[in-house]
Amino acid sequence: MTAIVNYVIHLFLAAVLLIVFFKAYTWLTPFDEMTLIRQGNHAAALTLGGAMLGFSLTIASSLLHTSNYQEFFAWAAGAMLVQFAVYIVVTYMLRMAKDQIEGGNSAFGALLGAISLSVGGINAACIS
């Protein structure tokens, strides 16, 4: 397989996985991120952006460290589950995430986004 075909396949698969993650994550959360973001809510943007970046780190690492598509998809599925678990655990522990995000508390959104990004980085490193 030529390098450009391999690049296109990997790029397409990573984009599809990112879309799947986006849809699943926004379904999981108790608020409508896109509506809030359209209204200028920075907290929603920071939370969603951090989760997507955290997931993307694991996707990037799995592209670098796996030898076949089955292994790549297995790591991607694991990364999704880890990001979902982090969101559930953190919002349970903080018990006010919905109100804070809907209220536009950027500091709270940044905290949730940073936690997702941090866990994504650790998760990505674990693959190597």
Protein backbone atom coordinates (compact mmCIF):
# COMPACT_ATOMS: atom_id res chain seq x y z
CA MET A 1 0.00 0.00 0.00
CA THR A 2 1.40 3.38 -0.91
CA ALA A 3 2.11 5.90 1.80
CA ILE A 4 -0.57 8.35 0.60
CA VAL A 5 -3.29 5.67 0.58
CA ASN A 6 -2.26 4.59 4.08
CA TYR A 7 -2.34 8.24 5.19
CA VAL A 8 -5.84 8.77 3.76
CA ILE A 9 -7.16 5.58 5.37
CA HIS A 10 -5.76 6.51 8.78
CA LEU A 11 -7.00 10.10 8.49
CA PHE A 12 -10.49 8.92 7.50
CA LEU A 13 -10.68 6.37 10.33
CA ALA A 14 -9.45 8.88 12.91
CA ALA A 15 -11.98 11.47 11.68
CA VAL A 16 -14.82 8.93 11.88
CA LEU A 17 -13.77 7.97 15.40
CA LEU A 18 -13.63 11.62 16.44
CA ILE A 19 -17.16 12.15 15.08
CA VAL A 20 -18.40 9.05 16.90
CA PHE A 21 -16.77 10.28 20.10
CA PHE A 22 -18.29 13.74 19.67
CA LYS A 23 -21.78 12.31 19.16
CA ALA A 24 -21.49 9.86 22.06
CA TYR A 25 -19.98 12.42 24.46
CA THR A 26 -22.61 15.05 23.71
CA TRP A 27 -25.30 12.41 24.16
CA LEU A 28 -23.80 11.39 27.53
CA THR A 29 -23.74 14.88 29.02
CA PRO A 30 -26.93 16.29 30.56
CA PHE A 31 -26.73 19.55 28.60
CA ASP A 32 -26.68 20.49 24.92
CA GLU A 33 -23.10 21.63 24.30
CA MET A 34 -23.73 22.91 20.79
CA THR A 35 -26.67 25.09 21.85
CA LEU A 36 -24.64 26.45 24.75
CA ILE A 37 -21.61 27.09 22.53
CA ARG A 38 -23.78 28.89 19.97
CA GLN A 39 -24.98 31.10 22.83
CA GLY A 40 -21.36 31.97 23.65
CA ASN A 41 -20.95 29.67 26.65
CA HIS A 42 -17.19 29.28 27.11
CA ALA A 43 -17.57 26.63 29.81
CA ALA A 44 -19.31 24.24 27.41
CA ALA A 45 -16.67 24.87 24.75
CA LEU A 46 -13.82 24.26 27.20
CA THR A 47 -15.35 21.06 28.53
CA LEU A 48 -16.12 19.60 25.12
CA GLY A 49 -12.83 20.79 23.64
CA GLY A 50 -10.80 19.22 26.44
CA ALA A 51 -12.62 15.90 26.07
CA MET A 52 -12.08 15.88 22.30
CA LEU A 53 -8.40 16.76 22.67
CA GLY A 54 -7.93 14.08 25.33
CA PHE A 55 -9.55 11.49 23.09
CA SER A 56 -7.50 12.68 20.10
CA LEU A 57 -4.24 12.17 21.99
CA THR A 58 -5.09 8.52 22.48
CA ILE A 59 -6.09 8.17 18.83
CA ALA A 60 -2.78 9.72 17.76
CA SER A 61 -0.82 7.42 20.05
CA SER A 62 -2.69 4.35 18.87
CA LEU A 63 -1.98 5.29 15.24
CA LEU A 64 1.71 5.41 16.12
CA HIS A 65 1.87 2.25 18.21
CA THR A 66 -0.48 -0.29 16.64
CA SER A 67 0.22 -2.61 13.77
CA ASN A 68 -3.30 -3.28 12.48
CA TYR A 69 -6.75 -1.76 12.34
CA GLN A 70 -8.29 -4.15 14.87
CA GLU A 71 -5.77 -3.10 17.48
CA PHE A 72 -6.28 0.55 16.55
CA PHE A 73 -10.05 0.28 16.99
CA ALA A 74 -9.65 -1.59 20.28
CA TRP A 75 -7.52 1.25 21.69
CA ALA A 76 -9.97 3.82 20.35
CA ALA A 77 -12.88 2.04 22.04
CA GLY A 78 -10.90 1.89 25.27
CA ALA A 79 -10.07 5.60 25.00
CA MET A 80 -13.76 6.44 24.59
CA LEU A 81 -14.67 4.41 27.64
CA VAL A 82 -11.93 6.05 29.69
CA GLN A 83 -13.07 9.56 28.69
CA PHE A 84 -16.71 8.70 29.48
CA ALA A 85 -15.73 7.22 32.83
CA VAL A 86 -13.68 10.30 33.69
CA TYR A 87 -16.62 12.57 32.91
CA ILE A 88 -19.01 10.46 34.99
CA VAL A 89 -16.68 10.17 37.98
CA VAL A 90 -15.59 13.82 38.01
CA THR A 91 -19.10 15.22 37.62
CA TYR A 92 -20.35 12.84 40.32
CA MET A 93 -17.60 13.96 42.68
CA LEU A 94 -18.16 17.66 41.96
CA ARG A 95 -21.98 17.31 41.99
CA MET A 96 -22.63 20.59 40.29
CA ALA A 97 -21.21 20.26 36.80
CA LYS A 98 -24.50 20.73 34.92
CA ASP A 99 -25.37 23.96 36.70
CA GLN A 100 -21.83 25.30 36.40
CA ILE A 101 -21.56 24.54 32.67
CA GLU A 102 -25.03 25.84 31.83
CA GLY A 103 -24.30 28.92 33.94
CA GLY A 104 -21.21 29.62 31.87
CA ASN A 105 -18.63 29.18 34.63
CA SER A 106 -15.51 29.16 32.43
CA ALA A 107 -13.24 28.20 35.31
CA PHE A 108 -15.30 25.08 35.92
CA GLY A 109 -15.37 24.27 32.20
CA ALA A 110 -11.61 24.72 32.04
CA LEU A 111 -11.18 22.38 35.01
CA LEU A 112 -13.30 19.65 33.39
CA GLY A 113 -11.52 20.15 30.07
CA ALA A 114 -8.08 20.02 31.70
CA ILE A 115 -8.97 16.83 33.56
CA SER A 116 -10.12 15.19 30.31
CA LEU A 117 -6.99 16.37 28.54
CA SER A 118 -4.73 15.14 31.35
CA VAL A 119 -6.33 11.71 31.41
CA GLY A 120 -6.16 11.54 27.62
CA GLY A 121 -2.42 12.26 27.73
CA ILE A 122 -1.84 9.59 30.35
CA ASN A 123 -4.03 7.16 28.42
CA ALA A 124 -2.08 7.90 25.23
CA ALA A 125 1.25 7.32 26.96
CA CYS A 126 0.03 3.99 28.34
CA ILE A 127 -0.37 2.68 24.79
CA SER A 128 3.32 3.08 24.07
